[in-house]
PDB file of N, CA and C in Angstrom:
ATOM      1  N   MET A   1       0.861  -1.141   0.032  1.00  0.00           N
ATOM      2  CA  MET A   1      -0.010  -0.133  -0.037  1.00  0.00           C
ATOM      3  C   MET A   1       1.008   1.267   0.120  1.00  0.00           C
ATOM      4  N   VAL A   2       1.553   1.534   1.101  1.00  0.00           N
ATOM      5  CA  VAL A   2       2.256   2.831   1.177  1.00  0.00           C
ATOM      6  C   VAL A   2       3.607   2.216   1.829  1.00  0.00           C
ATOM      7  N   LYS A   3       4.630   3.226   2.081  1.00  0.00           N
ATOM      8  CA  LYS A   3       5.956   2.761   2.419  1.00  0.00           C
ATOM      9  C   LYS A   3       5.769   1.854   3.706  1.00  0.00           C
ATOM     10  N   ASN A   4       4.962   2.454   4.610  1.00  0.00           N
ATOM     11  CA  ASN A   4       5.093   1.618   6.162  1.00  0.00           C
ATOM     12  C   ASN A   4       4.188   0.546   6.049  1.00  0.00           C
ATOM     13  N   GLU A   5       3.373   0.312   4.958  1.00  0.00           N
ATOM     14  CA  GLU A   5       2.370  -0.867   4.989  1.00  0.00           C
ATOM     15  C   GLU A   5       1.286  -0.761   6.051  1.00  0.00           C
ATOM     16  N   ILE A   6       1.125   0.396   6.597  1.00  0.00           N
ATOM     17  CA  ILE A   6       0.235   0.559   7.712  1.00  0.00           C
ATOM     18  C   ILE A   6      -1.133   0.865   6.891  1.00  0.00           C
ATOM     19  N   PRO A   7      -2.199   0.260   7.044  1.00  0.00           N
ATOM     20  CA  PRO A   7      -3.389   0.681   6.577  1.00  0.00           C
ATOM     21  C   PRO A   7      -3.849   2.148   6.998  1.00  0.00           C
ATOM     22  N   LEU A   8      -4.314   2.750   6.032  1.00  0.00           N
ATOM     23  CA  LEU A   8      -4.668   4.258   6.085  1.00  0.00           C
ATOM     24  C   LEU A   8      -6.287   4.274   5.781  1.00  0.00           C
ATOM     25  N   THR A   9      -6.494   5.579   6.546  1.00  0.00           N
ATOM     26  CA  THR A   9      -8.071   5.800   6.082  1.00  0.00           C
ATOM     27  C   THR A   9      -7.883   6.679   4.802  1.00  0.00           C
ATOM     28  N   PHE A  10      -8.985   6.939   3.993  1.00  0.00           N
ATOM     29  CA  PHE A  10      -9.052   7.798   2.827  1.00  0.00           C
ATOM     30  C   PHE A  10      -8.448   8.982   3.224  1.00  0.00           C
ATOM     31  N   GLU A  11      -8.850   9.711   4.135  1.00  0.00           N
ATOM     32  CA  GLU A  11      -8.475  10.875   4.547  1.00  0.00           C
ATOM     33  C   GLU A  11      -6.980  11.063   5.075  1.00  0.00           C
ATOM     34  N   GLU A  12      -6.460  10.187   5.619  1.00  0.00           N
ATOM     35  CA  GLU A  12      -5.166   9.957   5.960  1.00  0.00           C
ATOM     36  C   GLU A  12      -4.222   9.765   4.729  1.00  0.00           C
ATOM     37  N   ALA A  13      -4.773   8.904   3.853  1.00  0.00           N
ATOM     38  CA  ALA A  13      -3.915   8.718   2.579  1.00  0.00           C
ATOM     39  C   ALA A  13      -4.005  10.052   1.750  1.00  0.00           C
ATOM     40  N   LEU A  14      -4.983  10.864   1.761  1.00  0.00           N
ATOM     41  CA  LEU A  14      -5.101  12.165   0.935  1.00  0.00           C
ATOM     42  C   LEU A  14      -4.246  13.070   1.668  1.00  0.00           C
ATOM     43  N   THR A  15      -4.221  13.119   2.865  1.00  0.00           N
ATOM     44  CA  THR A  15      -3.184  14.076   3.493  1.00  0.00           C
ATOM     45  C   THR A  15      -1.798  13.701   3.334  1.00  0.00           C
ATOM     46  N   LYS A  16      -1.464  12.439   3.390  1.00  0.00           N
ATOM     47  CA  LYS A  16      -0.194  12.144   3.065  1.00  0.00           C
ATOM     48  C   LYS A  16       0.271  12.312   1.554  1.00  0.00           C
ATOM     49  N   LEU A  17      -0.598  12.286   0.625  1.00  0.00           N
ATOM     50  CA  LEU A  17      -0.478  12.504  -0.696  1.00  0.00           C
ATOM     51  C   LEU A  17      -0.077  14.011  -0.817  1.00  0.00           C
ATOM     52  N   GLU A  18      -0.921  14.837  -0.355  1.00  0.00           N
ATOM     53  CA  GLU A  18      -0.754  16.189  -0.323  1.00  0.00           C
ATOM     54  C   GLU A  18       0.819  16.559   0.496  1.00  0.00           C
ATOM     55  N   GLN A  19       1.074  16.056   1.436  1.00  0.00           N
ATOM     56  CA  GLN A  19       2.361  16.217   1.936  1.00  0.00           C
ATOM     57  C   GLN A  19       3.540  15.772   1.067  1.00  0.00           C
ATOM     58  N   ILE A  20       3.344  14.781   0.266  1.00  0.00           N
ATOM     59  CA  ILE A  20       4.452  14.399  -0.653  1.00  0.00           C
ATOM     60  C   ILE A  20       4.491  15.332  -2.053  1.00  0.00           C
ATOM     61  N   THR A  21       3.215  15.532  -2.307  1.00  0.00           N
ATOM     62  CA  THR A  21       3.104  16.721  -3.306  1.00  0.00           C
ATOM     63  C   THR A  21       3.914  18.040  -3.053  1.00  0.00           C
ATOM     64  N   GLU A  22       3.644  18.520  -1.910  1.00  0.00           N
ATOM     65  CA  GLU A  22       4.261  19.856  -1.392  1.00  0.00           C
ATOM     66  C   GLU A  22       5.650  19.659  -1.300  1.00  0.00           C
ATOM     67  N   HIS A  23       6.199  18.431  -0.867  1.00  0.00           N
ATOM     68  CA  HIS A  23       7.677  18.276  -0.586  1.00  0.00           C
ATOM     69  C   HIS A  23       8.377  18.168  -2.041  1.00  0.00           C
ATOM     70  N   MET A  24       7.756  17.406  -2.978  1.00  0.00           N
ATOM     71  CA  MET A  24       8.216  17.324  -4.377  1.00  0.00           C
ATOM     72  C   MET A  24       8.317  18.660  -5.100  1.00  0.00           C
ATOM     73  N   GLU A  25       7.256  19.355  -4.924  1.00  0.00           N
ATOM     74  CA  GLU A  25       7.181  20.718  -5.532  1.00  0.00           C
ATOM     75  C   GLU A  25       8.037  21.784  -4.841  1.00  0.00           C
ATOM     76  N   SER A  26       8.655  21.638  -3.906  1.00  0.00           N
ATOM     77  CA  SER A  26       9.561  22.521  -3.287  1.00  0.00           C
ATOM     78  C   SER A  26      10.987  22.378  -3.849  1.00  0.00           C
ATOM     79  N   GLY A  27      11.176  21.445  -4.405  1.00  0.00           N
ATOM     80  CA  GLY A  27      12.554  21.038  -5.117  1.00  0.00           C
ATOM     81  C   GLY A  27      13.661  20.704  -4.254  1.00  0.00           C
ATOM     82  N   SER A  28      13.411  20.444  -2.960  1.00  0.00           N
ATOM     83  CA  SER A  28      14.344  20.255  -1.942  1.00  0.00           C
ATOM     84  C   SER A  28      15.015  18.662  -2.040  1.00  0.00           C
ATOM     85  N   ALA A  29      14.119  18.039  -2.586  1.00  0.00           N
ATOM     86  CA  ALA A  29      14.499  16.409  -2.726  1.00  0.00           C
ATOM     87  C   ALA A  29      15.473  16.066  -3.863  1.00  0.00           C
ATOM     88  N   GLY A  30      16.423  15.126  -3.556  1.00  0.00           N
ATOM     89  CA  GLY A  30      17.359  14.840  -4.785  1.00  0.00           C
ATOM     90  C   GLY A  30      16.499  13.707  -5.671  1.00  0.00           C
ATOM     91  N   LEU A  31      17.097  13.347  -6.814  1.00  0.00           N
ATOM     92  CA  LEU A  31      16.526  12.451  -7.635  1.00  0.00           C
ATOM     93  C   LEU A  31      16.018  11.161  -7.024  1.00  0.00           C
ATOM     94  N   ALA A  32      16.730  10.556  -6.386  1.00  0.00           N
ATOM     95  CA  ALA A  32      16.308   9.311  -5.700  1.00  0.00           C
ATOM     96  C   ALA A  32      15.305   9.421  -4.719  1.00  0.00           C
ATOM     97  N   GLU A  33      15.278  10.357  -3.846  1.00  0.00           N
ATOM     98  CA  GLU A  33      14.225  10.619  -3.006  1.00  0.00           C
ATOM     99  C   GLU A  33      12.920  11.200  -3.652  1.00  0.00           C
ATOM    100  N   SER A  34      13.106  11.863  -4.785  1.00  0.00           N
ATOM    101  CA  SER A  34      11.835  12.183  -5.525  1.00  0.00           C
ATOM    102  C   SER A  34      11.340  10.956  -6.183  1.00  0.00           C
ATOM    103  N   LEU A  35      12.118  10.051  -6.739  1.00  0.00           N
ATOM    104  CA  LEU A  35      11.629   8.813  -7.394  1.00  0.00           C
ATOM    105  C   LEU A  35      10.878   7.969  -6.142  1.00  0.00           C
ATOM    106  N   SER A  36      11.281   7.971  -5.084  1.00  0.00           N
ATOM    107  CA  SER A  36      10.848   7.168  -3.989  1.00  0.00           C
ATOM    108  C   SER A  36       9.427   7.783  -3.710  1.00  0.00           C
ATOM    109  N   ALA A  37       9.351   9.190  -3.539  1.00  0.00           N
ATOM    110  CA  ALA A  37       8.290   9.763  -3.154  1.00  0.00           C
ATOM    111  C   ALA A  37       7.120   9.735  -4.297  1.00  0.00           C
ATOM    112  N   PHE A  38       7.612   9.839  -5.565  1.00  0.00           N
ATOM    113  CA  PHE A  38       6.651   9.591  -6.479  1.00  0.00           C
ATOM    114  C   PHE A  38       5.988   8.146  -6.669  1.00  0.00           C
ATOM    115  N   GLN A  39       6.653   7.177  -6.240  1.00  0.00           N
ATOM    116  CA  GLN A  39       6.364   5.651  -6.210  1.00  0.00           C
ATOM    117  C   GLN A  39       5.300   5.692  -4.976  1.00  0.00           C
ATOM    118  N   GLU A  40       5.660   6.165  -3.768  1.00  0.00           N
ATOM    119  CA  GLU A  40       4.639   6.170  -2.645  1.00  0.00           C
ATOM    120  C   GLU A  40       3.593   6.921  -3.113  1.00  0.00           C
ATOM    121  N   GLY A  41       3.502   8.063  -3.670  1.00  0.00           N
ATOM    122  CA  GLY A  41       2.469   8.842  -4.032  1.00  0.00           C
ATOM    123  C   GLY A  41       1.451   8.025  -4.959  1.00  0.00           C
ATOM    124  N   MET A  42       2.085   7.508  -6.121  1.00  0.00           N
ATOM    125  CA  MET A  42       1.188   6.659  -6.998  1.00  0.00           C
ATOM    126  C   MET A  42       0.377   5.577  -6.286  1.00  0.00           C
ATOM    127  N   LYS A  43       0.877   4.923  -5.368  1.00  0.00           N
ATOM    128  CA  LYS A  43       0.263   3.870  -4.468  1.00  0.00           C
ATOM    129  C   LYS A  43      -0.839   4.444  -3.828  1.00  0.00           C
ATOM    130  N   LEU A  44      -0.409   5.652  -3.158  1.00  0.00           N
ATOM    131  CA  LEU A  44      -1.716   6.607  -2.575  1.00  0.00           C
ATOM    132  C   LEU A  44      -2.750   6.797  -3.464  1.00  0.00           C
ATOM    133  N   VAL A  45      -2.399   7.292  -4.644  1.00  0.00           N
ATOM    134  CA  VAL A  45      -3.364   7.688  -5.702  1.00  0.00           C
ATOM    135  C   VAL A  45      -4.474   6.388  -6.071  1.00  0.00           C
ATOM    136  N   VAL A  46      -3.635   5.211  -6.126  1.00  0.00           N
ATOM    137  CA  VAL A  46      -4.328   4.051  -6.688  1.00  0.00           C
ATOM    138  C   VAL A  46      -5.262   3.630  -5.301  1.00  0.00           C
ATOM    139  N   PHE A  47      -4.949   3.945  -4.043  1.00  0.00           N
ATOM    140  CA  PHE A  47      -5.466   3.465  -2.781  1.00  0.00           C
ATOM    141  C   PHE A  47      -6.851   4.280  -2.770  1.00  0.00           C
ATOM    142  N   CYS A  48      -6.469   5.733  -3.028  1.00  0.00           N
ATOM    143  CA  CYS A  48      -7.534   6.629  -2.843  1.00  0.00           C
ATOM    144  C   CYS A  48      -8.702   6.446  -4.037  1.00  0.00           C
ATOM    145  N   GLN A  49      -8.281   6.147  -5.249  1.00  0.00           N
ATOM    146  CA  GLN A  49      -9.200   5.753  -6.147  1.00  0.00           C
ATOM    147  C   GLN A  49     -10.096   4.725  -5.984  1.00  0.00           C
ATOM    148  N   ASN A  50      -9.578   3.699  -5.381  1.00  0.00           N
ATOM    149  CA  ASN A  50     -10.182   2.373  -4.962  1.00  0.00           C
ATOM    150  C   ASN A  50     -11.181   2.717  -3.851  1.00  0.00           C
ATOM    151  N   GLU A  51     -10.811   3.490  -2.833  1.00  0.00           N
ATOM    152  CA  GLU A  51     -11.862   3.989  -2.016  1.00  0.00           C
ATOM    153  C   GLU A  51     -12.882   4.631  -2.398  1.00  0.00           C
ATOM    154  N   LEU A  52     -12.609   5.776  -3.371  1.00  0.00           N
ATOM    155  CA  LEU A  52     -13.840   6.358  -3.730  1.00  0.00           C
ATOM    156  C   LEU A  52     -14.714   5.540  -4.780  1.00  0.00           C
ATOM    157  N   GLU A  53     -14.025   4.509  -5.428  1.00  0.00           N
ATOM    158  CA  GLU A  53     -15.048   3.526  -6.231  1.00  0.00           C
ATOM    159  C   GLU A  53     -15.892   2.950  -5.292  1.00  0.00           C
ATOM    160  N   LYS A  54     -15.045   2.310  -4.069  1.00  0.00           N
ATOM    161  CA  LYS A  54     -16.077   1.667  -3.120  1.00  0.00           C
ATOM    162  C   LYS A  54     -17.103   2.314  -2.741  1.00  0.00           C
ATOM    163  N   ALA A  55     -17.067   3.804  -2.216  1.00  0.00           N
ATOM    164  CA  ALA A  55     -17.885   4.687  -2.014  1.00  0.00           C
ATOM    165  C   ALA A  55     -19.173   4.947  -2.879  1.00  0.00           C
ATOM    166  N   GLU A  56     -18.616   5.273  -4.330  1.00  0.00           N
ATOM    167  CA  GLU A  56     -19.597   5.263  -5.182  1.00  0.00           C
ATOM    168  C   GLU A  56     -20.500   3.819  -5.399  1.00  0.00           C
ATOM    169  N   GLY A  57     -20.109   2.924  -5.383  1.00  0.00           N
ATOM    170  CA  GLY A  57     -20.723   1.483  -5.349  1.00  0.00           C
ATOM    171  C   GLY A  57     -21.863   1.538  -4.120  1.00  0.00           C
ATOM    172  N   THR A  58     -21.376   2.030  -3.074  1.00  0.00           N
ATOM    173  CA  THR A  58     -22.340   2.116  -1.875  1.00  0.00           C
ATOM    174  C   THR A  58     -23.386   3.079  -2.300  1.00  0.00           C
ATOM    175  N   ILE A  59     -23.228   4.270  -2.699  1.00  0.00           N
ATOM    176  CA  ILE A  59     -24.193   5.199  -3.130  1.00  0.00           C
ATOM    177  C   ILE A  59     -24.982   4.600  -3.964  1.00  0.00           C
ATOM    178  N   LYS A  60     -24.438   3.944  -5.078  1.00  0.00           N
ATOM    179  CA  LYS A  60     -25.437   3.398  -6.039  1.00  0.00           C
ATOM    180  C   LYS A  60     -26.072   2.383  -5.538  1.00  0.00           C
ATOM    181  N   GLU A  61     -25.694   1.461  -4.672  1.00  0.00           N
ATOM    182  CA  GLU A  61     -26.648   0.447  -3.938  1.00  0.00           C
ATOM    183  C   GLU A  61     -27.756   1.124  -3.127  1.00  0.00           C
ATOM    184  N   LEU A  62     -27.446   2.007  -2.568  1.00  0.00           N
ATOM    185  CA  LEU A  62     -28.517   2.930  -1.597  1.00  0.00           C
ATOM    186  C   LEU A  62     -29.558   3.399  -2.567  1.00  0.00           C
ATOM    187  N   MET A  63     -28.995   3.933  -3.648  1.00  0.00           N
ATOM    188  CA  MET A  63     -30.159   4.731  -4.535  1.00  0.00           C
ATOM    189  C   MET A  63     -30.823   3.678  -5.551  1.00  0.00           C
ATOM    190  N   GLU A  64     -30.372   2.556  -5.568  1.00  0.00           N
ATOM    191  CA  GLU A  64     -30.998   1.468  -6.443  1.00  0.00           C
ATOM    192  C   GLU A  64     -32.063   0.680  -5.786  1.00  0.00           C
ATOM    193  N   ASN A  65     -32.275   0.927  -4.466  1.00  0.00           N
ATOM    194  CA  ASN A  65     -33.094  -0.011  -3.758  1.00  0.00           C
ATOM    195  C   ASN A  65     -34.736   0.063  -4.461  1.00  0.00           C
ATOM    196  N   VAL A  66     -35.101  -0.971  -4.990  1.00  0.00           N
ATOM    197  CA  VAL A  66     -36.488  -0.823  -5.559  1.00  0.00           C
ATOM    198  C   VAL A  66     -37.674  -0.468  -4.582  1.00  0.00           C
ATOM    199  N   PHE A  67     -37.597  -0.730  -3.507  1.00  0.00           N
ATOM    200  CA  PHE A  67     -38.732  -0.342  -2.559  1.00  0.00           C
ATOM    201  C   PHE A  67     -38.604   0.878  -1.957  1.00  0.00           C
ATOM    202  N   GLY A  68     -37.525   1.668  -2.459  1.00  0.00           N
ATOM    203  CA  GLY A  68     -37.454   3.136  -1.786  1.00  0.00           C
ATOM    204  C   GLY A  68     -36.988   3.346  -0.715  1.00  0.00           C
ATOM    205  N   ASP A  69     -36.514   2.270  -0.046  1.00  0.00           N
ATOM    206  CA  ASP A  69     -36.058   2.342   1.359  1.00  0.00           C
ATOM    207  C   ASP A  69     -34.272   2.348   1.235  1.00  0.00           C
ATOM    208  N   LEU A  70     -33.863   3.218   2.091  1.00  0.00           N
ATOM    209  CA  LEU A  70     -32.370   3.185   2.241  1.00  0.00           C
ATOM    210  C   LEU A  70     -31.903   1.976   2.785  1.00  0.00           C
ATOM    211  N   GLU A  71     -30.988   1.388   2.176  1.00  0.00           N
ATOM    212  CA  GLU A  71     -30.343   0.109   2.666  1.00  0.00           C
ATOM    213  C   GLU A  71     -28.930  -0.096   2.312  1.00  0.00           C
ATOM    214  N   MET A  72     -28.136  -0.111   3.500  1.00  0.00           N
ATOM    215  CA  MET A  72     -26.681  -0.268   3.117  1.00  0.00           C
ATOM    216  C   MET A  72     -26.357  -1.888   2.858  1.00  0.00           C
ATOM    217  N   THR A  73     -25.769  -1.836   1.724  1.00  0.00           N
ATOM    218  CA  THR A  73     -25.276  -3.317   1.456  1.00  0.00           C
ATOM    219  C   THR A  73     -23.720  -3.290   1.171  1.00  0.00           C
ATOM    220  N   ASP A  74     -23.163  -4.313   1.140  1.00  0.00           N
ATOM    221  CA  ASP A  74     -21.617  -4.410   0.992  1.00  0.00           C
ATOM    222  C   ASP A  74     -21.497  -4.373  -0.508  1.00  0.00           C
ATOM    223  N   PHE A  75     -21.164  -3.536  -1.336  1.00  0.00           N
ATOM    224  CA  PHE A  75     -21.267  -3.440  -2.622  1.00  0.00           C
ATOM    225  C   PHE A  75     -20.124  -4.435  -3.323  1.00  0.00           C
ATOM    226  N   ILE A  76     -18.835  -4.555  -2.491  1.00  0.00           N
ATOM    227  CA  ILE A  76     -17.774  -5.562  -2.971  1.00  0.00           C
ATOM    228  C   ILE A  76     -18.215  -6.858  -2.729  1.00  0.00           C
ATOM    229  N   GLU A  77     -18.672  -7.308  -1.590  1.00  0.00           N
ATOM    230  CA  GLU A  77     -19.132  -8.702  -1.480  1.00  0.00           C
ATOM    231  C   GLU A  77     -20.220  -9.126  -2.422  1.00  0.00           C
ATOM    232  N   LYS A  78     -21.200  -8.188  -2.500  1.00  0.00           N
ATOM    233  CA  LYS A  78     -22.542  -8.592  -3.455  1.00  0.00           C
ATOM    234  C   LYS A  78     -22.122  -8.837  -5.077  1.00  0.00           C
ATOM    235  N   ASN A  79     -21.112  -8.161  -5.273  1.00  0.00           N
ATOM    236  CA  ASN A  79     -20.586  -8.182  -6.835  1.00  0.00           C
ATOM    237  C   ASN A  79     -19.575  -9.404  -6.945  1.00  0.00           C
ATOM    238  N   ARG A  80     -19.121  -9.992  -5.993  1.00  0.00           N
ATOM    239  CA  ARG A  80     -18.253 -11.121  -6.244  1.00  0.00           C
ATOM    240  C   ARG A  80     -19.110 -12.341  -6.575  1.00  0.00           C
ATOM    241  N   ASP A  81     -20.158 -12.540  -6.233  1.00  0.00           N
ATOM    242  CA  ASP A  81     -20.945 -13.563  -6.620  1.00  0.00           C
ATOM    243  C   ASP A  81     -21.169 -13.914  -8.005  1.00  0.00           C
TER     244      ASP A  81
END
């Protein structure tokens, strides 16, 4: 996932991505550090995209309930069948 492999929330990942971006834009990092930061940033981007896709799926599930009731379902588990 990210450099330390500790699971992050979406908000934590987004904050970390912003920090990496600011650091890289500052121009204070060398080439090797910049490449490492870029790699970590890309992993965070993928993680955030996946989290947003899950949220979108949950919203669609809530909106598509045929009885008009709001119902939370696990979008990922339901679509694995």
